[in-house]
Amino acid sequence: MSKINYRFFMITIVVAVLVGGMFLYKDFSDFCDASVPIFAYHRIEDANDIYSVPPKEFDAQMAYLHGQGYTSMTLYEYAMARKKHEKLHKKMVLIFDDGYRDNLTNAAPILQKYGYKGSIFLAVKFDGWPGYLDWDSDLKLLKYGWEIGSHTYNHKPLTTLTPAQVDYELIKSKEYIQGLYYPPGGPTL
């Protein structure tokens, strides 16, 4: 291949990569405006297990996200924004599973420090057990601006249950969550 053909070939490849990159960047930019990162946590405590993040490390993660310009939204707010085709650039969702007490004592103050809120999904049967949230703690999280949802009643994998057992898990947990948002005698969801 002559020097001129080689240069032309290389220039063609570079131009193709740049043009292709522009289209990929546009797709990536569109993706960032239509989607959000969802960060899932269980416990925010000093424990040596895969379900726990030490409070100092969690604070550092939130500080980093805040420094990068991210704002939080609840999972419900995310679903509604997607439905309305709103731009979601630099938005995120913070989810906490099971309903551990440290979500209130450790996570909530850190999130409040950065103007963030969380979405927590309670394994309802354990509400009030040692190490877990209780009714009053659940209400405190609502005052922090958190969203509370159900993570079933007994925290059993739904794929291992009969249809009747799945109905029980969903109905019992929904009734409990409704009671947090709407006290007895009030409106229902």
Protein backbone atom coordinates (compact mmCIF):
# COMPACT_ATOMS: atom_id res chain seq x y z
CA MET A 1 0.00 0.00 0.00
CA SER A 2 1.41 3.37 -0.94
CA LYS A 3 1.99 6.11 1.64
CA ILE A 4 -0.89 8.18 0.24
CA ASN A 5 -3.32 5.24 0.32
CA TYR A 6 -2.19 4.34 3.84
CA ARG A 7 -2.76 7.92 5.07
CA PHE A 8 -6.15 8.04 3.37
CA PHE A 9 -7.03 4.71 4.95
CA MET A 10 -5.98 5.92 8.43
CA ILE A 11 -7.79 9.26 8.04
CA THR A 12 -10.93 7.38 6.96
CA ILE A 13 -10.74 5.17 10.05
CA VAL A 14 -10.21 8.13 12.39
CA VAL A 15 -13.13 10.04 10.82
CA ALA A 16 -15.34 6.93 11.04
CA VAL A 17 -14.47 6.48 14.72
CA LEU A 18 -15.15 10.15 15.48
CA VAL A 19 -18.48 10.17 13.62
CA GLY A 20 -19.49 6.89 15.24
CA GLY A 21 -18.45 8.23 18.63
CA MET A 22 -20.65 11.28 18.16
CA PHE A 23 -23.66 9.03 17.56
CA LEU A 24 -22.78 6.82 20.50
CA TYR A 25 -22.28 9.87 22.72
CA LYS A 26 -25.68 11.20 21.66
CA ASP A 27 -27.25 7.85 22.52
CA PHE A 28 -25.41 7.82 25.85
CA SER A 29 -26.48 11.40 26.57
CA ASP A 30 -30.10 10.51 25.74
CA PHE A 31 -29.81 7.46 28.00
CA CYS A 32 -28.53 9.65 30.87
CA ASP A 33 -31.47 12.00 30.44
CA ALA A 34 -34.02 9.15 30.45
CA SER A 35 -32.58 6.88 33.15
CA VAL A 36 -30.95 7.13 36.55
CA PRO A 37 -28.48 5.09 38.58
CA ILE A 38 -30.22 3.20 41.37
CA PHE A 39 -28.02 2.48 44.38
CA ALA A 40 -29.26 -0.37 46.59
CA TYR A 41 -28.25 -0.76 50.23
CA HIS A 42 -29.26 -2.90 53.17
CA ARG A 43 -27.40 -1.73 56.26
CA ILE A 44 -25.33 1.35 57.03
CA GLU A 45 -23.26 0.15 59.98
CA ASP A 46 -19.79 -0.97 60.94
CA ALA A 47 -20.14 -4.69 60.27
CA ASN A 48 -17.98 -7.04 58.30
CA ASP A 49 -20.53 -8.56 55.90
CA ILE A 50 -21.65 -8.09 52.31
CA TYR A 51 -24.88 -6.35 53.32
CA SER A 52 -23.30 -3.54 55.33
CA VAL A 53 -21.56 -0.31 54.40
CA PRO A 54 -19.75 1.53 57.21
CA PRO A 55 -21.26 4.99 57.89
CA LYS A 56 -17.98 6.79 57.04
CA GLU A 57 -17.80 5.02 53.68
CA PHE A 58 -21.48 5.72 52.99
CA ASP A 59 -20.93 9.39 53.84
CA ALA A 60 -17.96 9.48 51.44
CA GLN A 61 -20.11 7.93 48.69
CA MET A 62 -22.85 10.52 49.22
CA ALA A 63 -20.27 13.34 49.35
CA TYR A 64 -18.84 12.16 46.03
CA LEU A 65 -22.28 12.02 44.37
CA HIS A 66 -23.16 15.44 45.79
CA GLY A 67 -19.87 16.85 44.53
CA GLN A 68 -20.67 15.48 41.07
CA GLY A 69 -23.98 17.38 41.11
CA TYR A 70 -26.36 14.46 41.67
CA THR A 71 -29.74 14.96 43.33
CA SER A 72 -31.92 12.18 44.69
CA MET A 73 -35.47 11.20 44.00
CA THR A 74 -37.67 8.44 45.36
CA LEU A 75 -38.47 5.42 43.24
CA TYR A 76 -42.04 6.69 42.85
CA GLU A 77 -40.80 10.10 41.70
CA TYR A 78 -38.55 8.34 39.20
CA ALA A 79 -41.46 6.30 37.82
CA MET A 80 -43.61 9.42 37.47
CA ALA A 81 -40.80 11.38 35.79
CA ARG A 82 -40.26 8.55 33.30
CA LYS A 83 -43.97 8.47 32.57
CA LYS A 84 -43.88 12.21 31.80
CA HIS A 85 -40.66 11.83 29.73
CA GLU A 86 -38.85 14.33 31.97
CA LYS A 87 -35.08 14.75 31.66
CA LEU A 88 -33.35 12.98 34.52
CA HIS A 89 -29.74 14.01 34.04
CA LYS A 90 -27.78 13.90 37.33
CA LYS A 91 -30.70 12.30 39.23
CA MET A 92 -30.41 9.08 41.25
CA VAL A 93 -32.48 6.77 43.46
CA LEU A 94 -31.22 5.43 46.81
CA ILE A 95 -32.91 2.20 47.92
CA PHE A 96 -32.68 0.47 51.28
CA ASP A 97 -34.00 -3.08 51.73
CA ASP A 98 -35.47 -4.91 54.71
CA GLY A 99 -35.95 -2.05 57.21
CA TYR A 100 -32.94 -2.09 59.49
CA ARG A 101 -32.85 0.45 62.32
CA ASP A 102 -29.50 1.85 61.16
CA ASN A 103 -31.27 3.15 58.04
CA LEU A 104 -32.85 5.73 60.37
CA THR A 105 -29.99 6.23 62.83
CA ASN A 106 -27.08 6.24 60.35
CA ALA A 107 -28.30 6.60 56.76
CA ALA A 108 -31.06 9.20 57.17
CA PRO A 109 -28.88 11.88 58.84
CA ILE A 110 -26.17 11.42 56.21
CA LEU A 111 -28.69 11.71 53.39
CA GLN A 112 -30.25 14.78 55.01
CA LYS A 113 -26.78 16.37 55.20
CA TYR A 114 -26.61 16.26 51.38
CA GLY A 115 -30.27 17.07 50.75
CA TYR A 116 -31.00 13.48 49.71
CA LYS A 117 -33.89 11.16 50.48
CA GLY A 118 -34.23 7.41 50.29
CA SER A 119 -36.74 4.76 49.36
CA ILE A 120 -36.97 1.96 51.92
CA PHE A 121 -38.70 -1.35 51.42
CA LEU A 122 -39.70 -3.03 54.66
CA ALA A 123 -39.84 -6.74 55.35
CA VAL A 124 -42.98 -5.95 57.33
CA LYS A 125 -42.98 -8.95 59.69
CA PHE A 126 -39.68 -7.76 61.19
CA ASP A 127 -40.86 -4.20 61.93
CA GLY A 128 -40.37 -3.82 65.69
CA TRP A 129 -37.90 -6.70 66.06
CA PRO A 130 -34.48 -5.95 67.60
CA GLY A 131 -32.25 -4.26 65.03
CA TYR A 132 -35.17 -3.32 62.80
CA LEU A 133 -37.29 -0.22 62.50
CA ASP A 134 -40.60 0.05 64.33
CA TRP A 135 -43.80 1.97 63.61
CA ASP A 136 -42.49 5.22 65.15
CA SER A 137 -39.19 4.90 63.29
CA ASP A 138 -41.04 4.33 60.03
CA LEU A 139 -42.95 7.56 60.61
CA LYS A 140 -39.68 9.41 61.33
CA LEU A 141 -38.34 8.31 57.95
CA LEU A 142 -41.47 9.72 56.31
CA LYS A 143 -40.70 13.04 58.02
CA TYR A 144 -37.18 12.88 56.50
CA GLY A 145 -38.92 12.75 53.11
CA TRP A 146 -38.27 9.07 52.55
CA GLU A 147 -40.63 6.82 50.65
CA ILE A 148 -41.68 3.57 52.35
CA GLY A 149 -42.71 0.51 50.39
CA SER A 150 -43.16 -3.18 50.88
CA HIS A 151 -40.49 -5.85 50.63
CA THR A 152 -43.15 -8.53 51.33
CA TYR A 153 -44.44 -9.61 54.71
CA ASN A 154 -42.25 -12.59 55.66
CA HIS A 155 -39.28 -11.79 53.38
CA LYS A 156 -39.57 -15.09 51.52
CA PRO A 157 -38.64 -15.45 47.83
CA LEU A 158 -41.95 -15.11 45.97
CA THR A 159 -40.89 -17.61 43.30
CA THR A 160 -40.87 -20.36 45.95
CA LEU A 161 -44.44 -19.69 47.12
CA THR A 162 -47.84 -20.81 45.92
CA PRO A 163 -50.12 -18.19 44.34
CA ALA A 164 -52.15 -18.04 47.58
CA GLN A 165 -48.99 -17.48 49.64
CA VAL A 166 -47.86 -14.73 47.24
CA ASP A 167 -51.25 -13.03 47.63
CA TYR A 168 -50.88 -13.21 51.42
CA GLU A 169 -47.35 -11.72 51.30
CA LEU A 170 -48.44 -8.84 49.10
CA ILE A 171 -51.79 -8.09 50.76
CA LYS A 172 -50.47 -8.21 54.36
CA SER A 173 -47.50 -6.00 53.57
CA LYS A 174 -49.62 -3.54 51.56
CA GLU A 175 -52.07 -3.18 54.46
CA TYR A 176 -49.22 -2.34 56.83
CA ILE A 177 -47.66 0.22 54.49
CA GLN A 178 -51.05 1.82 53.85
CA GLY A 179 -51.43 2.22 57.61
CA LEU A 180 -48.25 4.29 57.73
CA TYR A 181 -49.45 6.69 55.07
CA TYR A 182 -53.13 6.65 55.98
CA PRO A 183 -54.08 6.00 59.61
CA PRO A 184 -57.15 3.87 60.37
CA GLY A 185 -60.31 5.59 59.24
CA GLY A 186 -58.39 7.70 56.69
CA PRO A 187 -58.34 7.33 52.91
CA THR A 188 -56.80 4.25 51.28
CA LEU A 189 -54.26 4.04 48.49
